[in-house]
Protein backbone atom coordinates (compact mmCIF):
# COMPACT_ATOMS: atom_id res chain seq x y z
CA MET A 1 67.08 161.05 44.12
CA THR A 2 64.91 163.28 41.92
CA GLY A 3 62.19 162.06 39.60
CA ARG A 4 64.31 163.06 36.62
CA ARG A 5 67.06 160.67 37.69
CA SER A 6 65.16 157.81 39.20
CA VAL A 7 65.66 154.05 39.18
CA GLU A 8 62.21 153.96 37.55
CA THR A 9 63.58 155.71 34.45
CA ALA A 10 63.53 153.59 31.29
CA ILE A 11 67.10 152.89 30.26
CA ASP A 12 66.53 153.84 26.59
CA ASP A 13 65.36 157.29 27.72
CA THR A 14 68.99 157.99 28.65
CA PHE A 15 70.71 156.67 25.52
CA THR A 16 70.55 159.94 23.62
CA LYS A 17 71.86 161.94 26.58
CA TYR A 18 74.74 159.52 27.03
CA LEU A 19 75.58 159.43 23.32
CA THR A 20 75.52 163.22 23.17
CA ASP A 21 77.96 163.39 26.08
CA LYS A 22 80.27 160.74 24.64
CA GLY A 23 79.84 161.23 20.89
CA LYS A 24 81.85 163.48 18.57
CA GLY A 25 80.87 166.16 16.11
CA ASP A 26 78.19 168.83 16.48
CA ALA A 27 75.99 168.08 19.48
CA GLY A 28 77.53 164.64 19.60
CA GLU A 29 75.51 163.51 16.57
CA GLN A 30 78.36 162.17 14.48
CA GLY A 31 81.41 160.02 14.89
CA ALA A 32 82.22 156.31 14.76
CA TYR A 33 82.17 156.01 18.54
CA ARG A 34 78.59 157.24 18.75
CA ALA A 35 77.44 154.83 16.06
CA ASP A 36 79.16 151.85 17.67
CA ALA A 37 77.95 152.76 21.14
CA GLU A 38 74.36 153.22 19.98
CA ARG A 39 74.40 149.84 18.28
CA GLU A 40 75.68 148.10 21.43
CA LEU A 41 73.23 149.85 23.73
CA GLN A 42 70.36 148.71 21.52
CA ARG A 43 71.80 145.19 21.47
CA PHE A 44 71.85 145.23 25.29
CA ARG A 45 68.25 146.53 25.47
CA HIS A 46 67.00 143.90 23.03
CA TRP A 47 68.73 141.20 25.05
CA CYS A 48 67.16 142.54 28.27
CA LEU A 49 63.75 142.34 26.58
CA GLY A 50 64.33 138.75 25.44
CA ARG A 51 64.32 139.64 21.76
CA THR A 52 67.39 137.59 20.93
CA ALA A 53 68.33 133.95 21.41
CA ASP A 54 70.76 133.29 24.26
CA SER A 55 72.47 129.90 24.46
CA ALA A 56 74.46 130.89 27.54
CA ASN A 57 71.53 131.67 29.81
CA ALA A 58 68.65 129.63 28.38
CA SER A 59 68.01 126.17 26.96
CA PRO A 60 66.90 126.08 24.27
CA PRO A 61 68.45 129.44 23.33
CA GLU A 62 65.18 130.66 21.79
CA SER A 63 63.48 130.40 25.19
CA TRP A 64 65.45 133.34 26.58
CA ALA A 65 62.79 135.68 28.00
CA GLY A 66 64.99 138.58 29.06
CA VAL A 67 65.18 140.21 32.48
CA VAL A 68 61.77 141.94 32.53
CA ASP A 69 58.19 140.86 31.98
CA GLY A 70 57.00 143.90 30.01
CA ASP A 71 58.28 146.06 27.17
CA THR A 72 60.28 148.51 29.28
CA VAL A 73 63.66 147.99 30.91
CA ARG A 74 64.15 150.35 33.86
CA PHE A 75 67.27 151.02 35.90
CA ALA A 76 65.54 149.27 38.81
CA ASP A 77 65.72 146.05 36.76
CA LEU A 78 69.52 146.18 36.54
CA ASP A 79 72.01 144.66 38.93
CA THR A 80 75.35 142.86 38.85
CA THR A 81 73.74 139.57 37.81
CA VAL A 82 72.16 141.17 34.73
CA PHE A 83 75.53 142.40 33.52
CA SER A 84 77.18 139.08 34.38
CA ASP A 85 74.58 137.23 32.31
CA TYR A 86 75.03 139.70 29.45
CA ALA A 87 78.81 139.24 29.56
CA ARG A 88 78.22 135.47 29.42
CA TYR A 89 75.88 135.93 26.45
CA LEU A 90 78.45 137.97 24.52
CA SER A 91 81.26 135.57 25.42
CA THR A 92 79.38 132.58 23.96
CA ALA A 93 77.86 134.31 20.91
CA GLY A 94 80.74 133.41 18.60
CA TYR A 95 82.63 136.71 18.66
CA ALA A 96 86.40 136.96 18.98
CA ALA A 97 87.64 137.78 22.48
CA GLY A 98 88.64 141.32 21.53
CA THR A 99 85.23 141.94 19.99
CA VAL A 100 83.44 140.71 23.12
CA LEU A 101 85.48 143.06 25.27
CA THR A 102 84.81 146.00 22.94
CA TYR A 103 81.06 145.37 22.82
CA TYR A 104 80.86 145.00 26.59
CA ALA A 105 82.99 148.12 27.13
CA HIS A 106 80.38 150.27 25.36
CA VAL A 107 77.63 149.03 27.68
CA ALA A 108 79.89 149.32 30.72
CA SER A 109 80.77 152.91 29.83
CA TRP A 110 77.07 153.79 29.69
CA CYS A 111 76.53 152.02 33.02
CA GLY A 112 79.33 154.08 34.59
CA TRP A 113 77.78 157.25 33.18
CA ALA A 114 74.38 156.27 34.61
CA HIS A 115 75.95 155.69 38.02
CA ALA A 116 77.66 159.10 37.91
CA GLN A 117 74.37 160.71 36.88
CA GLY A 118 72.50 159.17 39.81
CA TYR A 119 70.29 156.63 38.04
CA ILE A 120 71.81 153.58 39.76
CA PRO A 121 73.62 153.21 43.11
CA ARG A 122 76.68 151.33 41.82
CA HIS A 123 78.65 150.76 38.64
CA TYR A 124 77.30 147.23 38.26
CA ALA A 125 79.04 146.48 34.96
CA ARG A 126 82.54 146.80 36.38
CA GLU A 127 82.07 144.71 39.51
CA SER A 128 84.15 141.54 39.47
CA ASP A 129 81.12 139.23 39.42
CA ALA A 130 79.81 140.99 36.32
CA GLU A 131 83.11 140.79 34.46
CA ASP A 132 83.99 137.24 35.46
CA PRO A 133 82.55 135.60 32.29
CA LEU A 134 84.52 137.92 29.99
CA PRO A 135 87.53 136.52 28.12
CA GLU A 136 91.05 137.53 29.09
CA ASN A 137 92.07 140.94 27.81
CA ASP A 138 95.26 139.82 26.11
CA GLY A 139 94.27 138.24 22.81
CA ARG A 140 95.93 134.96 23.72
CA ARG A 141 94.55 131.48 23.24
CA PRO A 142 93.16 129.84 26.42
CA GLY A 143 96.14 127.50 26.68
CA ASP A 144 98.56 130.45 26.60
CA GLN A 145 97.15 132.13 29.72
CA GLN A 146 99.00 131.72 32.99
CA ALA A 147 98.24 128.50 34.81
CA TRP A 148 100.35 127.31 37.72
CA GLU A 149 102.15 124.08 36.90
CA PRO A 150 103.26 121.46 39.46
CA ILE A 151 106.77 122.95 39.53
CA HIS A 152 105.31 126.38 40.33
CA ARG A 153 103.19 125.01 43.18
CA ASP A 154 106.14 123.04 44.53
CA LEU A 155 108.54 125.99 44.46
CA ILE A 156 106.26 128.57 46.04
CA THR A 157 104.88 126.23 48.73
CA GLN A 158 108.35 124.99 49.67
CA PHE A 159 109.51 128.60 49.91
CA VAL A 160 106.71 129.74 52.23
CA ASP A 161 107.02 126.53 54.28
CA ARG A 162 110.67 127.29 54.93
CA ARG A 163 109.92 130.88 55.92
CA VAL A 164 107.29 129.70 58.42
CA SER A 165 109.72 127.19 59.93
CA GLU A 166 112.43 129.84 60.28
CA ALA A 167 109.99 132.28 61.90
CA PHE A 168 108.91 129.73 64.53
CA ASP A 169 112.53 128.81 65.22
CA ALA A 170 113.28 132.49 65.87
CA LEU A 171 110.20 132.81 68.08
CA GLY A 172 111.16 129.79 70.15
CA ALA A 173 114.72 131.03 70.63
CA ILE A 174 113.59 134.13 72.54
CA GLY A 175 113.26 133.50 76.24
CA VAL A 176 111.19 135.70 78.51
CA SER A 177 111.36 135.54 82.29
CA HIS A 178 108.23 135.08 84.33
CA THR A 179 108.47 138.62 85.69
CA ASP A 180 108.80 140.13 82.21
CA ARG A 181 105.86 138.30 80.68
CA GLY A 182 103.12 140.73 79.70
CA ASP A 183 105.22 143.78 80.62
CA PRO A 184 104.98 146.16 77.62
CA GLU A 185 108.15 147.96 78.76
CA SER A 186 110.25 144.77 78.92
CA GLU A 187 112.71 144.55 76.01
CA ALA A 188 112.57 140.75 76.10
CA TRP A 189 108.78 140.78 75.95
CA GLN A 190 108.80 143.30 73.10
CA ALA A 191 111.25 141.11 71.16
CA LYS A 192 109.04 138.08 71.76
CA GLN A 193 105.96 139.94 70.50
CA ARG A 194 107.79 141.15 67.40
CA ALA A 195 108.86 137.58 66.66
CA ARG A 196 105.30 136.40 67.22
CA PHE A 197 104.05 138.97 64.72
CA GLU A 198 106.73 137.83 62.26
CA ALA A 199 105.46 134.26 62.62
CA TYR A 200 101.90 135.50 62.03
CA GLN A 201 103.01 137.26 58.84
CA ARG A 202 104.75 134.15 57.55
CA CYS A 203 101.71 131.99 58.36
CA ARG A 204 99.44 134.43 56.57
CA GLU A 205 101.64 134.22 53.47
CA GLN A 206 101.69 130.44 53.65
CA ALA A 207 97.91 130.16 54.03
CA LEU A 208 97.35 132.57 51.15
CA VAL A 209 99.66 130.64 48.83
CA TYR A 210 98.07 127.29 49.66
CA VAL A 211 94.53 128.62 49.22
CA VAL A 212 95.41 130.05 45.81
CA ALA A 213 97.36 126.96 44.77
CA TYR A 214 94.82 124.26 45.67
CA THR A 215 91.27 125.59 46.14
CA GLY A 216 90.52 127.18 42.77
CA LEU A 217 88.69 130.02 44.51
CA ARG A 218 88.37 133.36 42.77
CA GLY A 219 90.24 136.13 44.59
CA SER A 220 87.02 138.08 45.17
CA GLU A 221 85.47 135.03 46.85
CA PHE A 222 87.89 134.90 49.78
CA LEU A 223 89.55 138.33 49.79
CA SER A 224 88.14 141.83 49.94
CA ALA A 225 87.19 143.21 46.53
CA PRO A 226 87.77 146.97 47.01
CA LYS A 227 85.38 148.01 44.22
CA GLU A 228 82.45 146.08 45.69
CA ASP A 229 81.28 147.48 49.01
CA ARG A 230 78.69 144.83 49.86
CA GLU A 231 78.28 141.69 51.88
CA GLY A 232 80.01 138.68 50.42
CA ARG A 233 82.81 140.65 48.82
CA ASN A 234 84.70 141.77 51.93
CA GLY A 235 86.75 138.65 52.61
CA ILE A 236 85.96 135.37 54.38
CA GLN A 237 85.89 135.30 58.17
CA TRP A 238 87.09 132.55 60.47
CA ARG A 239 83.47 131.63 61.22
CA ASP A 240 83.16 130.69 57.53
CA VAL A 241 85.86 128.02 57.82
CA SER A 242 85.02 124.46 58.88
CA PHE A 243 88.07 122.30 59.52
CA ALA A 244 85.78 119.39 60.41
CA ASP A 245 84.14 119.46 56.97
CA SER A 246 87.22 120.68 55.06
CA SER A 247 85.15 123.51 53.63
CA VAL A 248 84.68 127.26 53.60
CA THR A 249 81.49 129.21 52.93
CA VAL A 250 81.99 131.76 50.15
CA PHE A 251 79.81 134.12 48.14
CA ARG A 252 79.94 132.72 44.61
CA LYS A 253 79.60 134.66 41.38
CA SER A 254 76.00 133.40 41.21
CA ARG A 255 75.43 135.65 44.25
CA GLU A 256 74.72 132.64 46.42
CA TRP A 257 76.49 131.45 49.56
CA LYS A 258 77.97 128.02 48.86
CA GLU A 259 80.39 125.59 50.45
CA ALA A 260 83.77 125.41 48.71
CA SER A 261 86.24 122.60 49.31
CA LEU A 262 89.48 122.93 51.25
CA PRO A 263 91.74 120.11 49.98
CA GLU A 264 94.04 118.37 52.44
CA PRO A 265 97.17 120.38 51.51
CA VAL A 266 95.37 123.57 52.59
CA ILE A 267 94.18 122.36 56.00
CA GLY A 268 97.57 122.24 57.77
CA PRO A 269 98.75 125.76 56.82
CA LEU A 270 95.32 127.24 57.47
CA ARG A 271 95.03 125.57 60.89
CA ARG A 272 98.54 126.68 61.88
CA TYR A 273 97.65 130.22 60.83
CA ALA A 274 94.49 130.08 62.97
CA GLU A 275 96.48 128.95 66.00
CA VAL A 276 99.36 131.43 65.88
CA LEU A 277 97.12 134.25 67.10
CA ASP A 278 93.87 133.75 69.01
CA VAL A 279 91.30 136.04 67.36
CA PRO A 280 87.48 136.11 67.37
CA ASP A 281 85.75 134.15 64.62
CA SER A 282 84.33 137.45 63.33
CA TRP A 283 87.82 138.50 62.20
CA PRO A 284 88.73 138.18 58.53
CA VAL A 285 90.88 135.14 57.78
CA PHE A 286 93.26 137.35 55.81
CA THR A 287 93.72 140.68 57.60
CA THR A 288 95.42 143.75 56.32
CA LEU A 289 98.87 144.41 57.75
CA HIS A 290 99.02 147.92 56.36
CA ARG A 291 100.80 149.73 59.19
CA PRO A 292 99.10 153.16 59.00
CA SER A 293 95.66 151.53 58.83
CA LEU A 294 96.38 149.27 61.80
CA ALA A 295 97.90 152.10 63.81
CA SER A 296 94.85 154.28 63.28
CA HIS A 297 92.48 151.40 64.01
CA VAL A 298 94.17 150.38 67.28
CA THR A 299 94.64 153.94 68.52
CA GLU A 300 91.00 154.84 67.93
CA ARG A 301 89.62 151.65 69.48
CA LEU A 302 91.82 151.90 72.58
CA ALA A 303 90.67 155.49 73.02
CA ASP A 304 87.07 154.32 72.69
CA ALA A 305 87.81 151.82 75.47
CA GLY A 306 88.76 154.70 77.77
CA LEU A 307 92.58 154.71 77.61
CA ASP A 308 94.33 158.06 77.61
CA ASN A 309 97.17 158.92 75.23
CA ASP A 310 99.93 157.83 77.62
CA ALA A 311 98.26 154.47 78.26
CA ILE A 312 97.71 153.93 74.52
CA GLU A 313 101.36 154.70 73.79
CA ARG A 314 102.47 152.29 76.51
CA VAL A 315 100.26 149.45 75.20
CA ARG A 316 101.25 149.98 71.57
CA GLY A 317 104.91 150.15 72.53
CA GLY A 318 104.79 146.62 73.90
CA ALA A 319 103.59 144.78 70.80
CA PRO A 320 102.77 145.26 67.12
CA ASP A 321 99.34 146.73 66.51
CA LEU A 322 97.73 143.56 65.20
CA ILE A 323 98.66 141.66 68.36
CA VAL A 324 97.37 144.55 70.49
CA ALA A 325 94.06 144.42 68.61
CA ALA A 326 93.75 140.67 69.20
CA GLU A 327 94.73 140.66 72.87
CA HIS A 328 92.56 143.65 73.77
CA ASP A 329 89.50 142.22 71.98
CA LEU A 330 89.27 145.19 69.64
CA ASP A 331 87.05 145.23 66.56
CA ALA A 332 88.35 143.34 63.57
CA PRO A 333 90.86 145.14 61.35
CA LYS A 334 90.16 145.54 57.66
CA PRO A 335 90.51 142.46 55.45
CA LEU A 336 93.28 141.94 52.92
CA THR A 337 92.26 143.14 49.44
CA THR A 338 92.81 141.37 46.14
CA ASP A 339 95.34 144.06 45.24
CA GLY A 340 97.15 143.45 48.53
CA ALA A 341 97.24 139.71 47.84
CA ARG A 342 98.70 140.33 44.38
CA SER A 343 101.42 142.43 45.97
CA ILE A 344 102.24 139.61 48.39
CA MET A 345 102.44 137.07 45.56
CA GLU A 346 104.69 139.35 43.55
CA ARG A 347 106.94 140.01 46.57
CA LEU A 348 107.29 136.29 47.25
CA TRP A 349 107.98 135.29 43.65
CA THR A 350 110.62 137.99 43.18
CA HIS A 351 112.29 137.35 46.56
CA GLU A 352 116.05 136.97 46.10
CA ALA A 353 116.18 133.44 47.50
CA LEU A 354 113.35 132.18 45.31
CA ALA A 355 114.64 134.04 42.26
CA GLU A 356 117.98 132.29 42.66
CA ARG A 357 116.27 128.88 42.72
CA ARG A 358 114.16 129.80 39.68
CA ASN A 359 117.28 130.75 37.78
CA GLU A 360 118.92 127.45 38.65
CA LEU A 361 115.96 125.62 37.14
CA ASP A 362 115.73 128.02 34.18
CA LEU A 363 112.02 128.20 34.96
CA SER A 364 109.73 130.06 32.60
CA LEU A 365 106.48 131.77 33.57
CA ASP A 366 103.82 133.55 31.59
CA GLY A 367 103.88 136.80 33.56
CA ASP A 368 106.07 138.55 36.08
CA TYR A 369 104.87 136.56 39.10
CA LEU A 370 102.42 133.87 40.14
CA GLU A 371 99.02 135.53 39.77
CA LEU A 372 95.80 134.73 41.62
CA HIS A 373 93.91 133.73 38.47
CA GLY A 374 96.88 131.60 37.43
CA GLY A 375 96.42 129.54 40.58
CA ARG A 376 92.75 128.98 39.77
CA ARG A 377 93.56 128.03 36.18
CA GLY A 378 96.23 125.63 37.41
CA VAL A 379 93.67 123.88 39.58
CA GLY A 380 91.35 123.64 36.59
CA GLU A 381 94.12 122.11 34.45
CA VAL A 382 94.71 119.35 36.99
CA LEU A 383 91.04 118.55 37.49
CA VAL A 384 90.18 118.52 33.78
CA ARG A 385 93.05 116.17 33.02
CA GLN A 386 92.36 113.88 35.99
CA PHE A 387 88.55 113.85 36.22
CA GLY A 388 87.13 115.52 33.11
CA TYR A 389 85.25 118.72 32.34
CA ALA A 390 82.08 118.06 34.32
CA ALA A 391 83.91 117.37 37.59
CA ALA A 392 86.18 120.37 37.06
CA ALA A 393 83.17 122.60 36.40
CA ARG A 394 81.51 121.55 39.65
CA TYR A 395 84.67 122.16 41.66
CA LEU A 396 85.36 125.54 40.05
CA ASP A 397 81.70 126.60 40.29
CA ASN A 398 81.45 127.15 36.55
CA SER A 399 79.35 125.77 33.73
CA GLU A 400 80.81 122.85 31.83
CA GLU A 401 80.58 124.97 28.69
CA GLN A 402 82.78 127.66 30.22
CA VAL A 403 85.31 125.10 31.42
CA ARG A 404 85.49 123.49 27.99
CA GLU A 405 86.08 126.92 26.47
CA ALA A 406 88.76 127.81 29.00
CA TYR A 407 90.61 124.49 28.68
CA GLN A 408 89.95 123.70 25.03
CA HIS A 409 93.68 123.21 24.44
CA ILE A 410 93.51 120.03 26.55
CA GLU A 411 90.71 118.60 24.45
CA ALA A 412 92.54 119.61 21.26
CA ALA A 413 95.62 117.69 22.40
CA GLU A 414 93.47 114.66 23.25
CA ARG A 415 91.85 114.76 19.80
CA ALA A 416 95.29 114.95 18.20
CA ASP A 417 96.37 111.81 20.08
CA MET A 418 93.16 110.09 19.03
CA ALA A 419 93.72 110.97 15.37
CA THR A 420 97.33 109.82 15.54
CA GLU A 421 96.23 106.49 16.99
CA ALA A 422 93.62 106.10 14.25
CA PHE A 423 96.07 106.81 11.43
CA SER A 424 98.65 104.49 12.97
CA GLN A 425 96.17 101.68 12.36
CA THR A 426 95.71 102.51 8.69
CA ASP A 427 98.79 104.31 7.34
CA ASN A 428 102.15 102.57 7.26
CA ARG A 429 104.06 105.83 7.08
CA VAL A 430 102.55 106.96 10.39
CA ASN A 431 103.77 103.75 12.02
CA GLU A 432 107.27 104.31 10.58
CA ARG A 433 107.67 107.72 12.25
């Protein structure tokens, strides 16, 4: 990296260059975009210097000291946490959700430009941890956002339970003689291995659904976040899971490793999934099943182990690639991504059998399928109603303030009941209704 584009560069030294590139008019000196962007970049700089009160990151708000000790903010001072804290500041500063997103987008655009120009190694502002405090980008009230309800959890868990049961029934129905066991050219053995892989797939689906439905984990905390190539955002491994303690170690948005709870409903499916295929504890809990990726992975690793092309073809012909990788002690395959998990959830929810049951119940859903964040919000709904905001905040690894904001519709309904009860004691007409 040259001196001209160094992490030691003061961020405000680049504002004019960025605004010239992005602005409109002669030399980028005019245009509403330039004016708005310049205002938001200066707001960000002033916040970094501690020149504004911040109730989200400091108590009292006036004690906010910024992210640097001196009078200069350099690119070296920026990381994902800085942008996460700034997003939290904007989100709690009293602006409408759309305004928060617009203000943050200006700063994020500059951050992306700085990354492309070589000032910083990553686009910090668009990493999931940084954007987590931002409001939903749909203009809806908190209570209108998707949150899994009990009927949703019941339907999807019953559906995946049944698919697992059917897969194990099919696996058990295939008999293999003693002489055919382990023979990759045996048709009976090949059929058994295909059925075993089918059972693994169904168990993976079941475990994913239960984790989303009951843990409240963010997708990026237990799955691979493809935009964040760093430790802690590449999916949990089996070594992170403790069945004895009903917990899993995850990398939280605070950029700290913490223990998250695995409620009782999750333990059974997760344990069954762990037992269906014996893999090293360094393997991701949720592996990719992308066929081209697995084929390339297995072929390359078997070649590294010294097998020639004919031997590799013979081994791969006897079992699906994931089973080959496990039984030949190959390196772990890639983890399932958040996008991959969304595709699985959509495929399950739109499955013909489940769609038929949904139609029978005339079930409504805010969205086209059960989304990952909807599972987390559903967990929050249950915990807030049962145990209050403070307990829900601890479980969800959020501040109580954020939980109150996200679930304010619950408190509004409780206040309405309280007011109704009060008026029923004083106004006869209320009692008559």
